[in-house]
PDB file of all heavy atoms in Angstrom:
ATOM      1  N   ASP A   1      -4.657   1.750  -1.551  1.00  0.00           N
ATOM      2  CA  ASP A   1      -4.935   0.702  -0.477  1.00  0.00           C
ATOM      3  C   ASP A   1      -4.021   1.002   0.662  1.00  0.00           C
ATOM      4  O   ASP A   1      -2.838   0.720   0.601  1.00  0.00           O
ATOM      5  CB  ASP A   1      -4.772  -0.620  -1.069  1.00  0.00           C
ATOM      6  CG  ASP A   1      -5.219  -1.721  -0.001  1.00  0.00           C
ATOM      7  OD1 ASP A   1      -5.677  -1.355   1.062  1.00  0.00           O
ATOM      8  OD2 ASP A   1      -5.095  -2.928  -0.327  1.00  0.00           O
ATOM      9  N   LYS A   2      -4.605   1.497   1.750  1.00  0.00           N
ATOM     10  CA  LYS A   2      -3.778   1.866   2.943  1.00  0.00           C
ATOM     11  C   LYS A   2      -4.038   1.002   4.104  1.00  0.00           C
ATOM     12  O   LYS A   2      -3.738   1.371   5.250  1.00  0.00           O
ATOM     13  CB  LYS A   2      -3.934   3.296   3.229  1.00  0.00           C
ATOM     14  CG  LYS A   2      -3.594   4.229   2.079  1.00  0.00           C
ATOM     15  CD  LYS A   2      -3.617   5.721   2.428  1.00  0.00           C
ATOM     16  CE  LYS A   2      -5.006   6.195   2.489  1.00  0.00           C
ATOM     17  NZ  LYS A   2      -5.677   6.295   1.086  1.00  0.00           N
ATOM     18  N   ARG A   3      -4.728  -0.090   4.010  1.00  0.00           N
ATOM     19  CA  ARG A   3      -5.118  -0.918   5.100  1.00  0.00           C
ATOM     20  C   ARG A   3      -3.856  -1.480   5.875  1.00  0.00           C
ATOM     21  O   ARG A   3      -4.031  -1.774   7.062  1.00  0.00           O
ATOM     22  CB  ARG A   3      -5.924  -2.128   4.599  1.00  0.00           C
ATOM     23  CG  ARG A   3      -7.364  -1.705   4.155  1.00  0.00           C
ATOM     24  CD  ARG A   3      -8.089  -2.928   3.572  1.00  0.00           C
ATOM     25  NE  ARG A   3      -7.512  -3.312   2.349  1.00  0.00           N
ATOM     26  CZ  ARG A   3      -7.934  -4.337   1.603  1.00  0.00           C
ATOM     27  NH1 ARG A   3      -8.883  -5.084   1.997  1.00  0.00           N
ATOM     28  NH2 ARG A   3      -7.287  -4.723   0.422  1.00  0.00           N
ATOM     29  N   ASN A   4      -2.708  -1.703   5.227  1.00  0.00           N
ATOM     30  CA  ASN A   4      -1.516  -2.224   5.860  1.00  0.00           C
ATOM     31  C   ASN A   4      -0.606  -1.156   6.299  1.00  0.00           C
ATOM     32  O   ASN A   4       0.486  -1.379   6.760  1.00  0.00           O
ATOM     33  CB  ASN A   4      -0.818  -3.155   4.886  1.00  0.00           C
ATOM     34  CG  ASN A   4       0.131  -4.133   5.606  1.00  0.00           C
ATOM     35  OD1 ASN A   4      -0.142  -4.546   6.763  1.00  0.00           O
ATOM     36  ND2 ASN A   4       1.321  -4.311   5.071  1.00  0.00           N
ATOM     37  N   TYR A   5      -0.994   0.122   6.190  1.00  0.00           N
ATOM     38  CA  TYR A   5      -0.086   1.163   6.520  1.00  0.00           C
ATOM     39  C   TYR A   5       0.009   1.328   8.046  1.00  0.00           C
ATOM     40  O   TYR A   5      -0.977   1.012   8.781  1.00  0.00           O
ATOM     41  CB  TYR A   5      -0.620   2.505   5.934  1.00  0.00           C
ATOM     42  CG  TYR A   5      -0.262   2.739   4.437  1.00  0.00           C
ATOM     43  CD1 TYR A   5      -0.116   1.642   3.597  1.00  0.00           C
ATOM     44  CD2 TYR A   5       0.080   3.949   3.955  1.00  0.00           C
ATOM     45  CE1 TYR A   5       0.221   1.788   2.341  1.00  0.00           C
ATOM     46  CE2 TYR A   5       0.402   4.106   2.623  1.00  0.00           C
ATOM     47  CZ  TYR A   5       0.531   3.077   1.848  1.00  0.00           C
ATOM     48  OH  TYR A   5       0.852   3.260   0.492  1.00  0.00           O
ATOM     49  N   LYS A   6       1.182   1.854   8.560  1.00  0.00           N
ATOM     50  CA  LYS A   6       1.422   1.949   9.971  1.00  0.00           C
ATOM     51  C   LYS A   6       0.820   3.269  10.583  1.00  0.00           C
ATOM     52  O   LYS A   6       0.921   4.324   9.923  1.00  0.00           O
ATOM     53  CB  LYS A   6       2.894   1.872  10.280  1.00  0.00           C
ATOM     54  CG  LYS A   6       3.545   0.583   9.873  1.00  0.00           C
ATOM     55  CD  LYS A   6       5.026   0.570  10.089  1.00  0.00           C
ATOM     56  CE  LYS A   6       5.718  -0.778   9.629  1.00  0.00           C
ATOM     57  NZ  LYS A   6       7.144  -0.754   9.888  1.00  0.00           N
ATOM     58  N   ILE A   7       0.271   3.142  11.755  1.00  0.00           N
ATOM     59  CA  ILE A   7      -0.260   4.288  12.467  1.00  0.00           C
ATOM     60  C   ILE A   7       0.874   5.083  13.106  1.00  0.00           C
ATOM     61  O   ILE A   7       1.808   4.539  13.728  1.00  0.00           O
ATOM     62  CB  ILE A   7      -1.348   3.897  13.499  1.00  0.00           C
ATOM     63  CG1 ILE A   7      -2.489   3.213  12.834  1.00  0.00           C
ATOM     64  CG2 ILE A   7      -1.776   5.063  14.429  1.00  0.00           C
ATOM     65  CD1 ILE A   7      -3.572   2.687  13.772  1.00  0.00           C
ATOM     66  N   VAL A   8       0.760   6.479  12.994  1.00  0.00           N
ATOM     67  CA  VAL A   8       1.697   7.359  13.653  1.00  0.00           C
ATOM     68  C   VAL A   8       1.039   8.286  14.541  1.00  0.00           C
ATOM     69  O   VAL A   8      -0.065   8.809  14.154  1.00  0.00           O
ATOM     70  CB  VAL A   8       2.490   8.159  12.537  1.00  0.00           C
ATOM     71  CG1 VAL A   8       3.433   9.154  13.212  1.00  0.00           C
ATOM     72  CG2 VAL A   8       3.262   7.279  11.537  1.00  0.00           C
ATOM     73  N   HIS A   9       1.536   8.466  15.755  1.00  0.00           N
ATOM     74  CA  HIS A   9       0.996   9.368  16.692  1.00  0.00           C
ATOM     75  C   HIS A   9       1.880  10.783  16.750  1.00  0.00           C
ATOM     76  O   HIS A   9       3.111  10.651  16.475  1.00  0.00           O
ATOM     77  CB  HIS A   9       0.920   8.877  18.053  1.00  0.00           C
ATOM     78  CG  HIS A   9      -0.215   7.816  18.232  1.00  0.00           C
ATOM     79  ND1 HIS A   9      -0.453   7.190  19.410  1.00  0.00           N
ATOM     80  CD2 HIS A   9      -1.032   7.275  17.343  1.00  0.00           C
ATOM     81  CE1 HIS A   9      -1.468   6.330  19.328  1.00  0.00           C
ATOM     82  NE2 HIS A   9      -1.815   6.340  18.006  1.00  0.00           N
ATOM     83  N   GLU A  10       1.295  11.825  17.005  1.00  0.00           N
ATOM     84  CA  GLU A  10       2.107  13.043  17.116  1.00  0.00           C
ATOM     85  C   GLU A  10       3.152  12.808  18.141  1.00  0.00           C
ATOM     86  O   GLU A  10       2.966  12.313  19.234  1.00  0.00           O
ATOM     87  CB  GLU A  10       1.150  14.179  17.623  1.00  0.00           C
ATOM     88  CG  GLU A  10       1.845  15.500  17.814  1.00  0.00           C
ATOM     89  CD  GLU A  10       0.948  16.647  18.342  1.00  0.00           C
ATOM     90  OE1 GLU A  10      -0.317  16.365  18.224  1.00  0.00           O
ATOM     91  OE2 GLU A  10       1.416  17.614  18.767  1.00  0.00           O
ATOM     92  N   GLY A  11       4.389  13.100  17.727  1.00  0.00           N
ATOM     93  CA  GLY A  11       5.535  13.008  18.626  1.00  0.00           C
ATOM     94  C   GLY A  11       6.282  11.774  18.331  1.00  0.00           C
ATOM     95  O   GLY A  11       7.435  11.596  18.903  1.00  0.00           O
ATOM     96  N   ASP A  12       5.794  10.859  17.543  1.00  0.00           N
ATOM     97  CA  ASP A  12       6.528   9.641  17.182  1.00  0.00           C
ATOM     98  C   ASP A  12       7.824  10.039  16.279  1.00  0.00           C
ATOM     99  O   ASP A  12       7.754  10.932  15.416  1.00  0.00           O
ATOM    100  CB  ASP A  12       5.680   8.623  16.360  1.00  0.00           C
ATOM    101  CG  ASP A  12       4.676   7.882  17.340  1.00  0.00           C
ATOM    102  OD1 ASP A  12       4.872   8.112  18.570  1.00  0.00           O
ATOM    103  OD2 ASP A  12       3.763   7.272  16.878  1.00  0.00           O
ATOM    104  N   MET A  13       8.868   9.212  16.401  1.00  0.00           N
ATOM    105  CA  MET A  13       9.956   9.291  15.445  1.00  0.00           C
ATOM    106  C   MET A  13       9.671   8.337  14.285  1.00  0.00           C
ATOM    107  O   MET A  13       9.421   7.169  14.464  1.00  0.00           O
ATOM    108  CB  MET A  13      11.207   8.945  16.132  1.00  0.00           C
ATOM    109  CG  MET A  13      12.396   8.761  15.201  1.00  0.00           C
ATOM    110  SD  MET A  13      13.022  10.275  14.458  1.00  0.00           S
ATOM    111  CE  MET A  13      13.752  11.114  15.877  1.00  0.00           C
ATOM    112  N   VAL A  14       9.678   8.905  13.060  1.00  0.00           N
ATOM    113  CA  VAL A  14       9.464   8.057  11.885  1.00  0.00           C
ATOM    114  C   VAL A  14      10.694   8.211  10.937  1.00  0.00           C
ATOM    115  O   VAL A  14      11.190   9.220  10.798  1.00  0.00           O
ATOM    116  CB  VAL A  14       8.160   8.627  11.110  1.00  0.00           C
ATOM    117  CG1 VAL A  14       7.875   7.612   9.964  1.00  0.00           C
ATOM    118  CG2 VAL A  14       7.039   8.740  12.054  1.00  0.00           C
ATOM    119  N   TYR A  15      11.020   6.936  10.435  1.00  0.00           N
ATOM    120  CA  TYR A  15      12.178   7.083   9.570  1.00  0.00           C
ATOM    121  C   TYR A  15      11.992   6.027   8.359  1.00  0.00           C
ATOM    122  O   TYR A  15      11.342   5.016   8.517  1.00  0.00           O
ATOM    123  CB  TYR A  15      13.508   6.754  10.276  1.00  0.00           C
ATOM    124  CG  TYR A  15      13.746   5.347  10.818  1.00  0.00           C
ATOM    125  CD1 TYR A  15      14.314   4.380  10.024  1.00  0.00           C
ATOM    126  CD2 TYR A  15      13.465   5.111  12.155  1.00  0.00           C
ATOM    127  CE1 TYR A  15      14.562   3.116  10.559  1.00  0.00           C
ATOM    128  CE2 TYR A  15      13.738   3.710  12.709  1.00  0.00           C
ATOM    129  CZ  TYR A  15      14.263   2.821  11.849  1.00  0.00           C
ATOM    130  OH  TYR A  15      14.502   1.546  12.353  1.00  0.00           O
ATOM    131  N   ASN A  16      12.710   6.405   7.298  1.00  0.00           N
ATOM    132  CA  ASN A  16      12.760   5.585   6.074  1.00  0.00           C
ATOM    133  C   ASN A  16      13.873   4.468   6.321  1.00  0.00           C
ATOM    134  O   ASN A  16      15.028   4.821   6.421  1.00  0.00           O
ATOM    135  CB  ASN A  16      13.099   6.413   4.793  1.00  0.00           C
ATOM    136  CG  ASN A  16      13.112   5.597   3.582  1.00  0.00           C
ATOM    137  OD1 ASN A  16      13.363   4.425   3.507  1.00  0.00           O
ATOM    138  ND2 ASN A  16      12.642   6.276   2.490  1.00  0.00           N
ATOM    139  N   SER A  17      13.358   3.200   6.438  1.00  0.00           N
ATOM    140  CA  SER A  17      14.338   2.175   6.783  1.00  0.00           C
ATOM    141  C   SER A  17      15.509   2.005   5.770  1.00  0.00           C
ATOM    142  O   SER A  17      16.563   1.601   6.238  1.00  0.00           O
ATOM    143  CB  SER A  17      13.593   0.794   6.861  1.00  0.00           C
ATOM    144  OG  SER A  17      12.525   0.913   7.806  1.00  0.00           O
ATOM    145  N   MET A  18      15.259   2.424   4.543  1.00  0.00           N
ATOM    146  CA  MET A  18      16.259   2.215   3.590  1.00  0.00           C
ATOM    147  C   MET A  18      17.097   3.479   3.339  1.00  0.00           C
ATOM    148  O   MET A  18      18.137   3.559   2.577  1.00  0.00           O
ATOM    149  CB  MET A  18      15.698   1.782   2.233  1.00  0.00           C
ATOM    150  CG  MET A  18      14.990   0.368   2.294  1.00  0.00           C
ATOM    151  SD  MET A  18      14.508  -0.167   0.726  1.00  0.00           S
ATOM    152  CE  MET A  18      16.084  -0.528  -0.097  1.00  0.00           C
ATOM    153  N   ARG A  19      16.740   4.593   3.983  1.00  0.00           N
ATOM    154  CA  ARG A  19      17.490   5.849   3.897  1.00  0.00           C
ATOM    155  C   ARG A  19      17.822   6.482   5.168  1.00  0.00           C
ATOM    156  O   ARG A  19      18.160   7.555   5.243  1.00  0.00           O
ATOM    157  CB  ARG A  19      16.585   6.790   3.018  1.00  0.00           C
ATOM    158  CG  ARG A  19      16.340   6.415   1.589  1.00  0.00           C
ATOM    159  CD  ARG A  19      17.780   6.646   0.779  1.00  0.00           C
ATOM    160  NE  ARG A  19      17.640   6.273  -0.620  1.00  0.00           N
ATOM    161  CZ  ARG A  19      17.986   4.981  -1.087  1.00  0.00           C
ATOM    162  NH1 ARG A  19      18.520   4.239  -0.246  1.00  0.00           N
ATOM    163  NH2 ARG A  19      17.956   4.779  -2.353  1.00  0.00           N
ATOM    164  N   MET A  20      17.818   5.640   6.225  1.00  0.00           N
ATOM    165  CA  MET A  20      18.078   6.153   7.550  1.00  0.00           C
ATOM    166  C   MET A  20      19.514   6.664   7.615  1.00  0.00           C
ATOM    167  O   MET A  20      19.918   7.646   8.238  1.00  0.00           O
ATOM    168  CB  MET A  20      17.869   5.141   8.631  1.00  0.00           C
ATOM    169  CG  MET A  20      18.025   5.658  10.037  1.00  0.00           C
ATOM    170  SD  MET A  20      16.934   7.089  10.422  1.00  0.00           S
ATOM    171  CE  MET A  20      16.723   6.839  12.237  1.00  0.00           C
ATOM    172  N   TRP A  21      20.479   6.004   6.843  1.00  0.00           N
ATOM    173  CA  TRP A  21      21.890   6.264   6.822  1.00  0.00           C
ATOM    174  C   TRP A  21      22.177   7.655   6.090  1.00  0.00           C
ATOM    175  O   TRP A  21      23.256   8.152   6.121  1.00  0.00           O
ATOM    176  CB  TRP A  21      22.694   5.193   6.235  1.00  0.00           C
ATOM    177  CG  TRP A  21      22.275   4.885   4.742  1.00  0.00           C
ATOM    178  CD1 TRP A  21      21.259   4.052   4.379  1.00  0.00           C
ATOM    179  CD2 TRP A  21      22.869   5.332   3.589  1.00  0.00           C
ATOM    180  NE1 TRP A  21      21.219   3.927   3.081  1.00  0.00           N
ATOM    181  CE2 TRP A  21      22.171   4.714   2.570  1.00  0.00           C
ATOM    182  CE3 TRP A  21      23.970   6.206   3.292  1.00  0.00           C
ATOM    183  CZ2 TRP A  21      22.546   5.048   1.178  1.00  0.00           C
ATOM    184  CZ3 TRP A  21      24.251   6.483   1.955  1.00  0.00           C
ATOM    185  CH2 TRP A  21      23.551   5.915   0.956  1.00  0.00           C
ATOM    186  N   GLN A  22      21.130   8.189   5.484  1.00  0.00           N
ATOM    187  CA  GLN A  22      21.264   9.463   4.800  1.00  0.00           C
ATOM    188  C   GLN A  22      20.556  10.593   5.650  1.00  0.00           C
ATOM    189  O   GLN A  22      20.501  11.769   5.176  1.00  0.00           O
ATOM    190  CB  GLN A  22      20.639   9.478   3.388  1.00  0.00           C
ATOM    191  CG  GLN A  22      21.429   8.582   2.476  1.00  0.00           C
ATOM    192  CD  GLN A  22      20.740   8.420   1.054  1.00  0.00           C
ATOM    193  OE1 GLN A  22      19.604   8.350   0.988  1.00  0.00           O
ATOM    194  NE2 GLN A  22      21.565   8.545   0.096  1.00  0.00           N
ATOM    195  N   GLY A  23      19.932  10.172   6.798  1.00  0.00           N
ATOM    196  CA  GLY A  23      19.314  11.161   7.637  1.00  0.00           C
ATOM    197  C   GLY A  23      17.804  11.345   7.313  1.00  0.00           C
ATOM    198  O   GLY A  23      17.203  12.306   7.715  1.00  0.00           O
ATOM    199  N   ALA A  24      17.146  10.323   6.713  1.00  0.00           N
ATOM    200  CA  ALA A  24      15.746  10.443   6.395  1.00  0.00           C
ATOM    201  C   ALA A  24      14.903  10.034   7.549  1.00  0.00           C
ATOM    202  O   ALA A  24      14.470   8.892   7.714  1.00  0.00           O
ATOM    203  CB  ALA A  24      15.435   9.556   5.183  1.00  0.00           C
ATOM    204  N   ASN A  25      14.741  10.984   8.416  1.00  0.00           N
ATOM    205  CA  ASN A  25      13.899  10.695   9.664  1.00  0.00           C
ATOM    206  C   ASN A  25      13.359  12.025  10.189  1.00  0.00           C
ATOM    207  O   ASN A  25      13.702  13.126   9.740  1.00  0.00           O
ATOM    208  CB  ASN A  25      14.742  10.045  10.704  1.00  0.00           C
ATOM    209  CG  ASN A  25      15.896  10.984  11.162  1.00  0.00           C
ATOM    210  OD1 ASN A  25      15.798  11.969  11.756  1.00  0.00           O
ATOM    211  ND2 ASN A  25      17.171  10.457  10.815  1.00  0.00           N
ATOM    212  N   GLY A  26      12.400  12.027  11.099  1.00  0.00           N
ATOM    213  CA  GLY A  26      11.811  13.150  11.706  1.00  0.00           C
ATOM    214  C   GLY A  26      10.801  12.862  12.698  1.00  0.00           C
ATOM    215  O   GLY A  26      10.239  11.651  12.786  1.00  0.00           O
ATOM    216  N   ILE A  27      10.421  13.891  13.521  1.00  0.00           N
ATOM    217  CA  ILE A  27       9.394  13.711  14.514  1.00  0.00           C
ATOM    218  C   ILE A  27       8.042  14.191  13.837  1.00  0.00           C
ATOM    219  O   ILE A  27       7.960  15.184  13.167  1.00  0.00           O
ATOM    220  CB  ILE A  27       9.657  14.682  15.742  1.00  0.00           C
ATOM    221  CG1 ILE A  27      10.962  14.235  16.455  1.00  0.00           C
ATOM    222  CG2 ILE A  27       8.488  14.539  16.713  1.00  0.00           C
ATOM    223  CD1 ILE A  27      10.917  12.933  17.112  1.00  0.00           C
ATOM    224  N   SER A  28       7.074  13.282  13.981  1.00  0.00           N
ATOM    225  CA  SER A  28       5.704  13.592  13.326  1.00  0.00           C
ATOM    226  C   SER A  28       4.987  14.717  14.104  1.00  0.00           C
ATOM    227  O   SER A  28       4.842  14.692  15.313  1.00  0.00           O
ATOM    228  CB  SER A  28       4.868  12.416  13.286  1.00  0.00           C
ATOM    229  OG  SER A  28       3.715  12.742  12.710  1.00  0.00           O
ATOM    230  N   PRO A  29       4.587  15.783  13.312  1.00  0.00           N
ATOM    231  CA  PRO A  29       3.909  16.882  14.024  1.00  0.00           C
ATOM    232  C   PRO A  29       2.440  16.636  14.240  1.00  0.00           C
ATOM    233  O   PRO A  29       1.632  17.456  14.712  1.00  0.00           O
ATOM    234  CB  PRO A  29       4.055  18.067  13.068  1.00  0.00           C
ATOM    235  CG  PRO A  29       4.159  17.424  11.682  1.00  0.00           C
ATOM    236  CD  PRO A  29       4.824  16.043  12.007  1.00  0.00           C
ATOM    237  N   CYS A  30       1.869  15.438  13.694  1.00  0.00           N
ATOM    238  CA  CYS A  30       0.512  15.127  13.751  1.00  0.00           C
ATOM    239  C   CYS A  30       0.259  13.700  13.763  1.00  0.00           C
ATOM    240  O   CYS A  30       1.260  12.860  13.485  1.00  0.00           O
ATOM    241  CB  CYS A  30      -0.198  15.819  12.582  1.00  0.00           C
ATOM    242  SG  CYS A  30       0.390  15.311  10.949  1.00  0.00           S
ATOM    243  N   ASN A  31      -0.990  13.184  13.924  1.00  0.00           N
ATOM    244  CA  ASN A  31      -1.324  11.783  13.789  1.00  0.00           C
ATOM    245  C   ASN A  31      -1.532  11.458  12.306  1.00  0.00           C
ATOM    246  O   ASN A  31      -1.871  12.382  11.482  1.00  0.00           O
ATOM    247  CB  ASN A  31      -2.614  11.538  14.511  1.00  0.00           C
ATOM    248  CG  ASN A  31      -2.577  11.688  16.020  1.00  0.00           C
ATOM    249  OD1 ASN A  31      -1.528  11.604  16.585  1.00  0.00           O
ATOM    250  ND2 ASN A  31      -3.761  12.056  16.688  1.00  0.00           N
ATOM    251  N   GLY A  32      -1.256  10.215  11.914  1.00  0.00           N
ATOM    252  CA  GLY A  32      -1.461   9.852  10.574  1.00  0.00           C
ATOM    253  C   GLY A  32      -0.983   8.404  10.306  1.00  0.00           C
ATOM    254  O   GLY A  32      -0.914   7.617  11.297  1.00  0.00           O
ATOM    255  N   ILE A  33      -0.771   8.120   9.073  1.00  0.00           N
ATOM    256  CA  ILE A  33      -0.314   6.768   8.719  1.00  0.00           C
ATOM    257  C   ILE A  33       0.854   6.891   7.665  1.00  0.00           C
ATOM    258  O   ILE A  33       0.959   7.881   6.971  1.00  0.00           O
ATOM    259  CB  ILE A  33      -1.415   5.907   8.180  1.00  0.00           C
ATOM    260  CG1 ILE A  33      -2.105   6.639   6.952  1.00  0.00           C
ATOM    261  CG2 ILE A  33      -2.477   5.429   9.130  1.00  0.00           C
ATOM    262  CD1 ILE A  33      -3.143   5.783   6.225  1.00  0.00           C
ATOM    263  N   VAL A  34       1.748   5.892   7.687  1.00  0.00           N
ATOM    264  CA  VAL A  34       2.903   5.949   6.755  1.00  0.00           C
ATOM    265  C   VAL A  34       2.968   4.527   6.038  1.00  0.00           C
ATOM    266  O   VAL A  34       2.414   3.553   6.598  1.00  0.00           O
ATOM    267  CB  VAL A  34       4.243   6.217   7.462  1.00  0.00           C
ATOM    268  CG1 VAL A  34       4.217   7.627   7.919  1.00  0.00           C
ATOM    269  CG2 VAL A  34       4.436   5.170   8.618  1.00  0.00           C
ATOM    270  N   SER A  35       3.668   4.466   5.014  1.00  0.00           N
ATOM    271  CA  SER A  35       3.895   3.246   4.238  1.00  0.00           C
ATOM    272  C   SER A  35       4.524   2.225   5.132  1.00  0.00           C
ATOM    273  O   SER A  35       5.356   2.528   6.001  1.00  0.00           O
ATOM    274  CB  SER A  35       4.766   3.539   3.029  1.00  0.00           C
ATOM    275  OG  SER A  35       5.378   2.415   2.531  1.00  0.00           O
ATOM    276  N   PRO A  36       4.353   0.928   4.815  1.00  0.00           N
ATOM    277  CA  PRO A  36       5.056  -0.154   5.618  1.00  0.00           C
ATOM    278  C   PRO A  36       6.584  -0.057   5.484  1.00  0.00           C
ATOM    279  O   PRO A  36       7.271  -0.719   6.295  1.00  0.00           O
ATOM    280  CB  PRO A  36       4.474  -1.397   4.947  1.00  0.00           C
ATOM    281  CG  PRO A  36       3.182  -1.044   4.331  1.00  0.00           C
ATOM    282  CD  PRO A  36       3.294   0.362   3.935  1.00  0.00           C
ATOM    283  N   ALA A  37       7.035   0.650   4.519  1.00  0.00           N
ATOM    284  CA  ALA A  37       8.453   0.755   4.379  1.00  0.00           C
ATOM    285  C   ALA A  37       9.144   1.606   5.404  1.00  0.00           C
ATOM    286  O   ALA A  37      10.372   1.566   5.610  1.00  0.00           O
ATOM    287  CB  ALA A  37       8.842   1.439   2.931  1.00  0.00           C
ATOM    288  N   TYR A  38       8.366   2.331   6.176  1.00  0.00           N
ATOM    289  CA  TYR A  38       8.884   3.193   7.306  1.00  0.00           C
ATOM    290  C   TYR A  38       8.856   2.424   8.566  1.00  0.00           C
ATOM    291  O   TYR A  38       8.022   1.525   8.749  1.00  0.00           O
ATOM    292  CB  TYR A  38       7.979   4.502   7.392  1.00  0.00           C
ATOM    293  CG  TYR A  38       8.123   5.402   6.162  1.00  0.00           C
ATOM    294  CD1 TYR A  38       6.974   5.818   5.507  1.00  0.00           C
ATOM    295  CD2 TYR A  38       9.301   5.987   5.785  1.00  0.00           C
ATOM    296  CE1 TYR A  38       6.978   6.642   4.461  1.00  0.00           C
ATOM    297  CE2 TYR A  38       9.393   6.901   4.778  1.00  0.00           C
ATOM    298  CZ  TYR A  38       8.222   7.185   4.078  1.00  0.00           C
ATOM    299  OH  TYR A  38       8.289   8.115   2.984  1.00  0.00           O
ATOM    300  N   THR A  39       9.684   2.944   9.492  1.00  0.00           N
ATOM    301  CA  THR A  39       9.741   2.372  10.766  1.00  0.00           C
ATOM    302  C   THR A  39       9.216   3.475  11.711  1.00  0.00           C
ATOM    303  O   THR A  39       9.576   4.664  11.611  1.00  0.00           O
ATOM    304  CB  THR A  39      11.064   1.969  11.319  1.00  0.00           C
ATOM    305  OG1 THR A  39      11.465   0.888  10.447  1.00  0.00           O
ATOM    306  CG2 THR A  39      11.092   1.499  12.728  1.00  0.00           C
ATOM    307  N   VAL A  40       8.247   3.180  12.649  1.00  0.00           N
ATOM    308  CA  VAL A  40       7.670   4.127  13.527  1.00  0.00           C
ATOM    309  C   VAL A  40       8.145   3.854  15.009  1.00  0.00           C
ATOM    310  O   VAL A  40       8.015   2.698  15.482  1.00  0.00           O
ATOM    311  CB  VAL A  40       6.109   4.154  13.552  1.00  0.00           C
ATOM    312  CG1 VAL A  40       5.562   5.172  14.414  1.00  0.00           C
ATOM    313  CG2 VAL A  40       5.654   4.341  12.104  1.00  0.00           C
ATOM    314  N   LEU A  41       8.720   4.755  15.724  1.00  0.00           N
ATOM    315  CA  LEU A  41       9.217   4.639  16.987  1.00  0.00           C
ATOM    316  C   LEU A  41       8.379   5.519  17.965  1.00  0.00           C
ATOM    317  O   LEU A  41       8.211   6.731  17.704  1.00  0.00           O
ATOM    318  CB  LEU A  41      10.741   5.096  17.138  1.00  0.00           C
ATOM    319  CG  LEU A  41      11.703   4.402  16.210  1.00  0.00           C
ATOM    320  CD1 LEU A  41      13.105   4.903  16.376  1.00  0.00           C
ATOM    321  CD2 LEU A  41      11.668   2.850  16.418  1.00  0.00           C
ATOM    322  N   MET A  42       7.945   4.938  19.182  1.00  0.00           N
ATOM    323  CA  MET A  42       7.169   5.829  20.065  1.00  0.00           C
ATOM    324  C   MET A  42       8.025   5.863  21.295  1.00  0.00           C
ATOM    325  O   MET A  42       8.645   4.928  21.830  1.00  0.00           O
ATOM    326  CB  MET A  42       5.850   5.138  20.414  1.00  0.00           C
ATOM    327  CG  MET A  42       5.912   3.668  20.849  1.00  0.00           C
ATOM    328  SD  MET A  42       4.191   3.036  21.107  1.00  0.00           S
ATOM    329  CE  MET A  42       4.545   1.356  21.686  1.00  0.00           C
ATOM    330  N   PRO A  43       8.021   7.052  21.949  1.00  0.00           N
ATOM    331  CA  PRO A  43       8.818   7.212  23.221  1.00  0.00           C
ATOM    332  C   PRO A  43       8.392   6.328  24.354  1.00  0.00           C
ATOM    333  O   PRO A  43       7.143   6.207  24.557  1.00  0.00           O
ATOM    334  CB  PRO A  43       8.543   8.774  23.540  1.00  0.00           C
ATOM    335  CG  PRO A  43       8.038   9.372  22.238  1.00  0.00           C
ATOM    336  CD  PRO A  43       7.312   8.259  21.576  1.00  0.00           C
TER     337      PRO A  43
END
């Protein structure tokens, strides 16, 4: 069930909110969706 998942656009910064302090982040190379546990940043 992915109805509550967050939309990601190519070029967005996406990070794991609970693992950001370990460097769990990256720029998305494509459009897609991620779990609500992630935070999505758009330029």
